[in-house]
Protein backbone atom coordinates (compact mmCIF):
# COMPACT_ATOMS: atom_id res chain seq x y z
CA MET A 1 131.45 132.99 106.82
CA ASP A 2 129.14 131.75 109.60
CA GLN A 3 126.04 133.66 110.71
CA GLU A 4 127.52 134.71 114.08
CA THR A 5 130.49 136.36 112.33
CA GLU A 6 128.13 138.04 109.83
CA ASP A 7 126.04 139.37 112.74
CA VAL A 8 129.10 140.73 114.55
CA LEU A 9 130.46 142.43 111.41
CA GLY A 10 127.03 143.79 110.53
CA VAL A 11 126.93 146.11 113.54
CA VAL A 12 130.50 147.43 113.21
CA GLY A 13 129.50 150.34 110.94
CA PRO A 14 126.84 151.85 113.23
CA ARG A 15 129.14 151.30 116.23
CA LEU A 16 131.99 153.15 114.49
CA ARG A 17 129.68 156.05 113.59
CA ALA A 18 128.38 156.26 117.17
CA LEU A 19 131.93 156.21 118.62
CA ARG A 20 133.08 158.94 116.25
CA ARG A 21 130.11 161.14 117.08
CA ASP A 22 130.41 160.49 120.84
CA ARG A 23 134.04 161.61 120.68
CA GLY A 24 133.09 164.71 118.69
CA PHE A 25 135.28 163.72 115.70
CA THR A 26 134.61 164.41 112.05
CA LEU A 27 135.50 161.90 109.34
CA ALA A 28 138.45 164.19 108.52
CA ASP A 29 139.65 164.06 112.15
CA VAL A 30 139.57 160.26 112.18
CA ALA A 31 141.23 160.05 108.76
CA THR A 32 144.08 162.24 110.00
CA ARG A 33 144.52 160.18 113.18
CA THR A 34 144.32 156.74 111.51
CA GLY A 35 145.68 157.26 107.99
CA VAL A 36 142.45 155.70 106.63
CA SER A 37 140.78 157.78 103.92
CA GLU A 38 137.54 159.64 104.64
CA SER A 39 135.74 157.74 101.87
CA THR A 40 136.80 154.37 103.33
CA LEU A 41 135.68 155.48 106.81
CA SER A 42 132.34 156.63 105.41
CA ARG A 43 131.81 153.31 103.61
CA LEU A 44 132.74 151.40 106.80
CA GLU A 45 130.22 153.38 108.84
CA SER A 46 127.45 152.92 106.27
CA GLY A 47 128.11 149.17 105.93
CA GLN A 48 129.17 149.46 102.28
CA ARG A 49 132.68 148.25 103.15
CA ARG A 50 133.51 145.19 105.25
CA ALA A 51 135.72 145.81 108.27
CA THR A 52 139.19 144.28 108.15
CA LEU A 53 141.85 144.00 110.81
CA GLU A 54 144.01 146.53 108.94
CA LEU A 55 141.19 149.08 109.21
CA LEU A 56 140.02 148.23 112.72
CA LEU A 57 143.38 148.33 114.52
CA PRO A 58 144.06 152.06 113.93
CA LEU A 59 140.41 152.82 114.80
CA SER A 60 140.73 150.83 118.02
CA ARG A 61 143.80 152.90 118.98
CA THR A 62 142.17 156.19 117.98
CA TYR A 63 139.02 155.53 120.01
CA ASP A 64 141.07 153.94 122.86
CA ILE A 65 138.79 150.92 122.97
CA PRO A 66 139.71 147.20 122.85
CA LEU A 67 139.20 145.58 119.47
CA ASP A 68 136.63 143.13 120.89
CA ASP A 69 134.56 146.04 122.21
CA LEU A 70 134.94 147.92 118.94
CA VAL A 71 133.37 145.10 116.95
CA GLY A 72 131.00 143.96 119.68
CA ALA A 73 132.49 140.47 119.77
CA PRO A 74 130.60 138.08 122.03
CA ARG A 75 132.09 137.56 125.46
CA THR A 76 133.87 134.27 125.93
CA GLY A 77 135.34 132.39 128.82
CA ASP A 78 135.69 133.53 132.38
CA PRO A 79 134.83 137.24 132.81
CA ARG A 80 136.72 137.55 136.09
CA ILE A 81 140.02 139.38 136.21
CA HIS A 82 142.66 137.28 137.92
CA LEU A 83 145.21 139.53 139.56
CA LYS A 84 148.48 137.76 140.30
CA PRO A 85 150.20 139.12 143.40
CA ILE A 86 153.96 139.62 143.23
CA GLY A 87 156.09 139.21 146.36
CA ARG A 88 159.10 141.55 146.65
CA PHE A 89 161.16 142.78 149.57
CA GLY A 90 158.78 141.04 152.02
CA MET A 91 155.80 142.97 150.61
CA VAL A 92 152.98 142.04 148.23
CA PHE A 93 152.27 144.00 145.04
CA VAL A 94 148.98 143.40 143.22
CA PRO A 95 149.10 144.84 139.69
CA LEU A 96 145.92 146.80 138.90
CA SER A 97 146.85 147.80 135.36
CA ARG A 98 148.07 145.71 132.48
CA ARG A 99 148.94 148.28 129.85
CA PRO A 100 152.64 148.09 128.93
CA GLY A 101 154.51 151.34 129.27
CA GLY A 102 153.08 154.49 130.78
CA THR A 103 151.82 154.66 134.34
CA GLN A 104 151.41 151.40 136.25
CA ALA A 105 148.99 150.96 139.16
CA PHE A 106 149.52 148.59 142.11
CA LYS A 107 147.93 147.81 145.43
CA MET A 108 150.76 147.25 147.88
CA ILE A 109 150.45 145.35 151.15
CA ILE A 110 153.10 145.63 153.82
CA PRO A 111 152.54 142.82 156.34
CA ALA A 112 152.41 143.37 160.10
CA ARG A 113 155.69 142.77 161.95
CA GLU A 114 156.48 142.45 165.62
CA LYS A 115 159.36 144.83 165.13
CA PRO A 116 159.41 147.26 162.17
CA LEU A 117 162.35 146.84 159.80
CA GLU A 118 165.24 149.25 159.61
CA PRO A 119 165.04 151.41 156.47
CA THR A 120 167.20 150.44 153.52
CA PRO A 121 166.57 153.26 151.01
CA GLN A 122 166.80 152.44 147.30
CA THR A 123 166.76 154.50 144.10
CA HIS A 124 165.54 153.79 140.56
CA ASP A 125 164.22 155.70 137.57
CA GLY A 126 160.65 156.91 137.71
CA PHE A 127 158.09 158.90 139.62
CA GLU A 128 155.76 157.49 142.26
CA TRP A 129 152.45 158.60 143.72
CA LEU A 130 151.02 156.71 146.70
CA TYR A 131 147.83 156.80 148.74
CA VAL A 132 147.46 155.07 152.13
CA LEU A 133 144.29 152.98 152.45
CA ASN A 134 144.84 151.32 155.84
CA GLY A 135 147.51 151.32 158.52
CA ARG A 136 150.32 153.77 159.11
CA LEU A 137 153.04 154.01 156.48
CA ARG A 138 156.61 155.04 157.22
CA LEU A 139 158.12 156.79 154.22
CA VAL A 140 161.82 157.58 154.33
CA LEU A 141 162.54 160.01 151.52
CA GLY A 142 166.11 161.32 151.36
CA GLU A 143 166.73 162.93 154.76
CA ARG A 144 163.01 163.07 155.64
CA ASP A 145 161.28 160.43 157.77
CA LEU A 146 157.49 160.72 157.39
CA THR A 147 154.48 158.85 158.77
CA LEU A 148 151.38 158.78 156.58
CA SER A 149 147.94 157.78 157.87
CA PRO A 150 144.91 156.50 155.92
CA GLY A 151 143.76 159.08 153.40
CA GLU A 152 147.16 160.74 153.04
CA ALA A 153 149.12 160.75 149.80
CA ALA A 154 152.67 161.47 148.70
CA GLU A 155 154.46 161.84 145.39
CA PHE A 156 158.18 161.80 144.72
CA ASP A 157 160.93 161.26 142.18
CA THR A 158 162.25 157.72 142.72
CA SER A 159 165.81 158.79 141.93
CA LEU A 160 165.73 160.20 145.48
CA PRO A 161 166.64 157.45 148.02
CA HIS A 162 163.35 156.14 149.44
CA TRP A 163 161.96 153.32 151.56
CA LEU A 164 158.44 152.22 152.52
CA GLY A 165 157.53 150.25 155.62
CA THR A 166 155.15 149.96 158.54
CA ALA A 167 155.35 152.87 160.99
CA ASP A 168 154.06 150.99 164.03
CA GLY A 169 154.38 147.28 163.22
CA GLY A 170 150.80 147.00 161.87
CA ALA A 171 149.90 146.01 158.33
CA VAL A 172 149.71 148.78 155.74
CA GLU A 173 147.70 148.84 152.50
CA LEU A 174 148.31 151.49 149.86
CA LEU A 175 147.74 152.29 146.22
CA ILE A 176 150.73 153.18 144.08
CA LEU A 177 150.93 154.82 140.67
CA PHE A 178 154.37 154.43 139.17
CA GLY A 179 155.50 156.09 135.96
CA LEU A 180 158.59 156.63 133.93
CA GLN A 181 160.80 159.59 134.71
CA GLY A 182 158.85 162.80 134.29
CA ILE A 183 155.38 161.23 134.31
CA ARG A 184 153.53 162.57 137.34
CA ALA A 185 150.06 162.12 138.77
CA HIS A 186 148.14 165.38 138.88
CA VAL A 187 144.82 166.09 140.52
CA GLN A 188 142.79 168.64 138.64
CA ALA A 189 139.62 170.13 140.03
CA ASN A 190 137.47 172.99 138.92
CA PRO A 191 137.05 175.54 141.67
CA SER A 192 133.42 176.10 142.58
CA SER A 193 132.09 179.54 141.86
């Protein structure tokens, strides 16, 4: 094994211990969540046991941290994130999340038009939350025809016929969170005393 690999693996134990403590977990908690015995976890943290992929993968999931970050692997290649816009229905969707399943995040851009389009409501499975960044959004939702301005948000079940477009012909930029049926965005705040 080369020295760089030895160096990377040498700091895994202290990193695992720090992550566990930061999360407020005991060895028993982590053992229950990962299926890895407490003694093995203890030996990993103390450096008495070498980390293997079979041990690190469940730990990566438990701590919700990428494997490279878990082991402190050196950064390689281009650090920039290259978002690939998707064109659909005359609009541009820029994916902001990459995790498969669960809630997906997009920036959506509706281009300016001389004459706004006529609504053509669609339905599909899921739940959507949107937030207008710029422009004025026309949201047709069932029988309701709404105009949302910058700073306004809406959430709805996408099985209800809906359509998004420009309200006044100007470009519109918005953020969208889209989840499977039943997954909703909730804002939680502690009331001040």
